[in-house]
Amino acid sequence: MSNLKSVQHITKDNPNRWFIVTDSDPGEEGFVVFGNVGPINETELNTGQPNIYTFLTENELEAYVDNIAGTRYYQTSVEDSSPKFQLPSEKYEPIIPDLDVD
């Protein structure tokens, strides 16, 4: 990740399908949205935000996010259906609370 550089958008043919959009706030406060852009050659991402960082794998994105926000932040965001996470994840599933009311 040492050659991490910001892009303006993620094109349909970009193999890096994992991304994070950040603003100027420090740490996790700067996370706008992160996750999966969708299938290659089908979807693209153009947010208008100046800071979009792309990753080839979900593991790379998870390591980047957790390095800034703390261990398991990424996993917890997916499992808790954080509005900052763009589904799908290849590693984790959202946890649906049991709404069984007696």
C-alpha atoms as a PDB file:
ATOM      1  CA  MET A   1       0.000   0.000   0.000  1.00  0.00           C
ATOM      2  CA  SER A   2       2.992   2.297  -0.102  1.00  0.00           C
ATOM      3  CA  ASN A   3       2.014   3.477  -3.602  1.00  0.00           C
ATOM      4  CA  LEU A   4      -1.496   4.473  -2.536  1.00  0.00           C
ATOM      5  CA  LYS A   5      -2.687   7.385  -4.629  1.00  0.00           C
ATOM      6  CA  SER A   6      -5.955   9.199  -4.917  1.00  0.00           C
ATOM      7  CA  VAL A   7      -8.102   8.923  -8.052  1.00  0.00           C
ATOM      8  CA  GLN A   8     -11.089  10.966  -9.177  1.00  0.00           C
ATOM      9  CA  HIS A   9     -13.239   7.994 -10.183  1.00  0.00           C
ATOM     10  CA  ILE A  10     -13.100   4.228 -10.658  1.00  0.00           C
ATOM     11  CA  THR A  11     -13.748   3.188 -14.237  1.00  0.00           C
ATOM     12  CA  LYS A  12     -15.574   0.035 -15.320  1.00  0.00           C
ATOM     13  CA  ASP A  13     -12.326  -1.607 -16.436  1.00  0.00           C
ATOM     14  CA  ASN A  14     -10.272  -0.769 -13.329  1.00  0.00           C
ATOM     15  CA  PRO A  15      -9.349  -4.107 -11.674  1.00  0.00           C
ATOM     16  CA  ASN A  16      -9.206  -2.412  -8.248  1.00  0.00           C
ATOM     17  CA  ARG A  17     -12.830  -2.962  -7.188  1.00  0.00           C
ATOM     18  CA  TRP A  18     -12.349  -2.141  -3.475  1.00  0.00           C
ATOM     19  CA  PHE A  19     -12.281   1.526  -2.441  1.00  0.00           C
ATOM     20  CA  ILE A  20     -12.470   4.122   0.282  1.00  0.00           C
ATOM     21  CA  VAL A  21     -13.625   7.716  -0.114  1.00  0.00           C
ATOM     22  CA  THR A  22     -12.275  10.114   2.494  1.00  0.00           C
ATOM     23  CA  ASP A  23     -12.639  13.768   3.343  1.00  0.00           C
ATOM     24  CA  SER A  24     -10.223  16.023   5.187  1.00  0.00           C
ATOM     25  CA  ASP A  25     -11.223  14.924   8.697  1.00  0.00           C
ATOM     26  CA  PRO A  26      -8.542  12.935  10.549  1.00  0.00           C
ATOM     27  CA  GLY A  27      -8.789   9.203  11.276  1.00  0.00           C
ATOM     28  CA  GLU A  28     -12.050   7.302  10.953  1.00  0.00           C
ATOM     29  CA  GLU A  29     -13.965  10.603  11.046  1.00  0.00           C
ATOM     30  CA  GLY A  30     -12.705  11.113   7.498  1.00  0.00           C
ATOM     31  CA  PHE A  31     -14.280   7.919   6.157  1.00  0.00           C
ATOM     32  CA  VAL A  32     -17.140   8.889   3.837  1.00  0.00           C
ATOM     33  CA  VAL A  33     -17.800   5.454   2.340  1.00  0.00           C
ATOM     34  CA  PHE A  34     -15.805   2.290   1.667  1.00  0.00           C
ATOM     35  CA  GLY A  35     -16.442  -1.121   0.175  1.00  0.00           C
ATOM     36  CA  ASN A  36     -16.974  -2.738  -3.211  1.00  0.00           C
ATOM     37  CA  VAL A  37     -17.589  -0.857  -6.432  1.00  0.00           C
ATOM     38  CA  GLY A  38     -19.276  -3.853  -8.080  1.00  0.00           C
ATOM     39  CA  PRO A  39     -18.423  -6.200 -10.943  1.00  0.00           C
ATOM     40  CA  ILE A  40     -15.606  -5.285 -13.323  1.00  0.00           C
ATOM     41  CA  ASN A  41     -16.761  -4.051 -16.734  1.00  0.00           C
ATOM     42  CA  GLU A  42     -20.242  -3.369 -15.307  1.00  0.00           C
ATOM     43  CA  THR A  43     -20.044  -0.631 -12.687  1.00  0.00           C
ATOM     44  CA  GLU A  44     -17.997   2.458 -11.978  1.00  0.00           C
ATOM     45  CA  LEU A  45     -17.734   5.003  -9.184  1.00  0.00           C
ATOM     46  CA  ASN A  46     -17.708   8.761  -9.529  1.00  0.00           C
ATOM     47  CA  THR A  47     -18.497  10.592  -6.297  1.00  0.00           C
ATOM     48  CA  GLY A  48     -17.193  14.072  -6.921  1.00  0.00           C
ATOM     49  CA  GLN A  49     -14.987  13.599  -3.861  1.00  0.00           C
ATOM     50  CA  PRO A  50     -11.280  14.338  -4.383  1.00  0.00           C
ATOM     51  CA  ASN A  51      -9.987  11.389  -2.338  1.00  0.00           C
ATOM     52  CA  ILE A  52     -10.858   7.942  -3.645  1.00  0.00           C
ATOM     53  CA  TYR A  53      -8.286   5.253  -2.869  1.00  0.00           C
ATOM     54  CA  THR A  54      -8.532   1.891  -4.622  1.00  0.00           C
ATOM     55  CA  PHE A  55      -7.419  -1.606  -3.697  1.00  0.00           C
ATOM     56  CA  LEU A  56      -7.170  -4.863  -5.620  1.00  0.00           C
ATOM     57  CA  THR A  57      -8.475  -7.016  -2.752  1.00  0.00           C
ATOM     58  CA  GLU A  58     -10.810  -6.727   0.192  1.00  0.00           C
ATOM     59  CA  ASN A  59      -7.934  -7.774   2.466  1.00  0.00           C
ATOM     60  CA  GLU A  60      -5.924  -4.726   1.342  1.00  0.00           C
ATOM     61  CA  LEU A  61      -8.875  -2.402   2.003  1.00  0.00           C
ATOM     62  CA  GLU A  62      -9.540  -4.000   5.385  1.00  0.00           C
ATOM     63  CA  ALA A  63      -5.884  -3.583   6.421  1.00  0.00           C
ATOM     64  CA  TYR A  64      -5.927   0.087   5.365  1.00  0.00           C
ATOM     65  CA  VAL A  65      -9.180   0.835   7.231  1.00  0.00           C
ATOM     66  CA  ASP A  66      -8.165  -1.055  10.380  1.00  0.00           C
ATOM     67  CA  ASN A  67      -4.751   0.625  10.410  1.00  0.00           C
ATOM     68  CA  ILE A  68      -6.494   3.995  10.702  1.00  0.00           C
ATOM     69  CA  ALA A  69      -9.592   3.146  12.751  1.00  0.00           C
ATOM     70  CA  GLY A  70      -8.449   0.188  14.859  1.00  0.00           C
ATOM     71  CA  THR A  71      -8.587  -3.588  14.797  1.00  0.00           C
ATOM     72  CA  ARG A  72     -11.863  -5.086  13.523  1.00  0.00           C
ATOM     73  CA  TYR A  73     -13.361  -1.702  12.532  1.00  0.00           C
ATOM     74  CA  TYR A  74     -13.851  -2.987   8.994  1.00  0.00           C
ATOM     75  CA  GLN A  75     -15.431  -6.294  10.070  1.00  0.00           C
ATOM     76  CA  THR A  76     -17.685  -4.553  12.590  1.00  0.00           C
ATOM     77  CA  SER A  77     -18.798  -2.034   9.947  1.00  0.00           C
ATOM     78  CA  VAL A  78     -19.878  -4.855   7.643  1.00  0.00           C
ATOM     79  CA  GLU A  79     -21.540  -6.955  10.330  1.00  0.00           C
ATOM     80  CA  ASP A  80     -23.374  -3.972  11.849  1.00  0.00           C
ATOM     81  CA  SER A  81     -24.534  -2.736   8.405  1.00  0.00           C
ATOM     82  CA  SER A  82     -22.765   0.599   8.800  1.00  0.00           C
ATOM     83  CA  PRO A  83     -24.019   3.203   6.322  1.00  0.00           C
ATOM     84  CA  LYS A  84     -20.350   3.833   5.537  1.00  0.00           C
ATOM     85  CA  PHE A  85     -19.909   0.320   4.075  1.00  0.00           C
ATOM     86  CA  GLN A  86     -20.868  -0.364   0.453  1.00  0.00           C
ATOM     87  CA  LEU A  87     -21.886  -4.023   0.065  1.00  0.00           C
ATOM     88  CA  PRO A  88     -21.077  -6.717  -0.790  1.00  0.00           C
ATOM     89  CA  SER A  89     -18.255  -8.125   1.292  1.00  0.00           C
ATOM     90  CA  GLU A  90     -16.554 -11.349   0.259  1.00  0.00           C
ATOM     91  CA  LYS A  91     -15.421 -12.000   3.849  1.00  0.00           C
ATOM     92  CA  TYR A  92     -18.210 -10.981   6.224  1.00  0.00           C
ATOM     93  CA  GLU A  93     -21.985 -10.993   6.348  1.00  0.00           C
ATOM     94  CA  PRO A  94     -24.223  -8.384   7.966  1.00  0.00           C
ATOM     95  CA  ILE A  95     -25.664  -9.678  11.235  1.00  0.00           C
ATOM     96  CA  ILE A  96     -29.437  -9.462  11.200  1.00  0.00           C
ATOM     97  CA  PRO A  97     -30.754  -8.986  14.734  1.00  0.00           C
ATOM     98  CA  ASP A  98     -33.346 -11.460  15.956  1.00  0.00           C
ATOM     99  CA  LEU A  99     -36.597  -9.521  16.070  1.00  0.00           C
ATOM    100  CA  ASP A 100     -38.506 -12.312  17.782  1.00  0.00           C
ATOM    101  CA  VAL A 101     -40.689 -10.411  20.218  1.00  0.00           C
ATOM    102  CA  ASP A 102     -42.518 -12.436  22.846  1.00  0.00           C
END
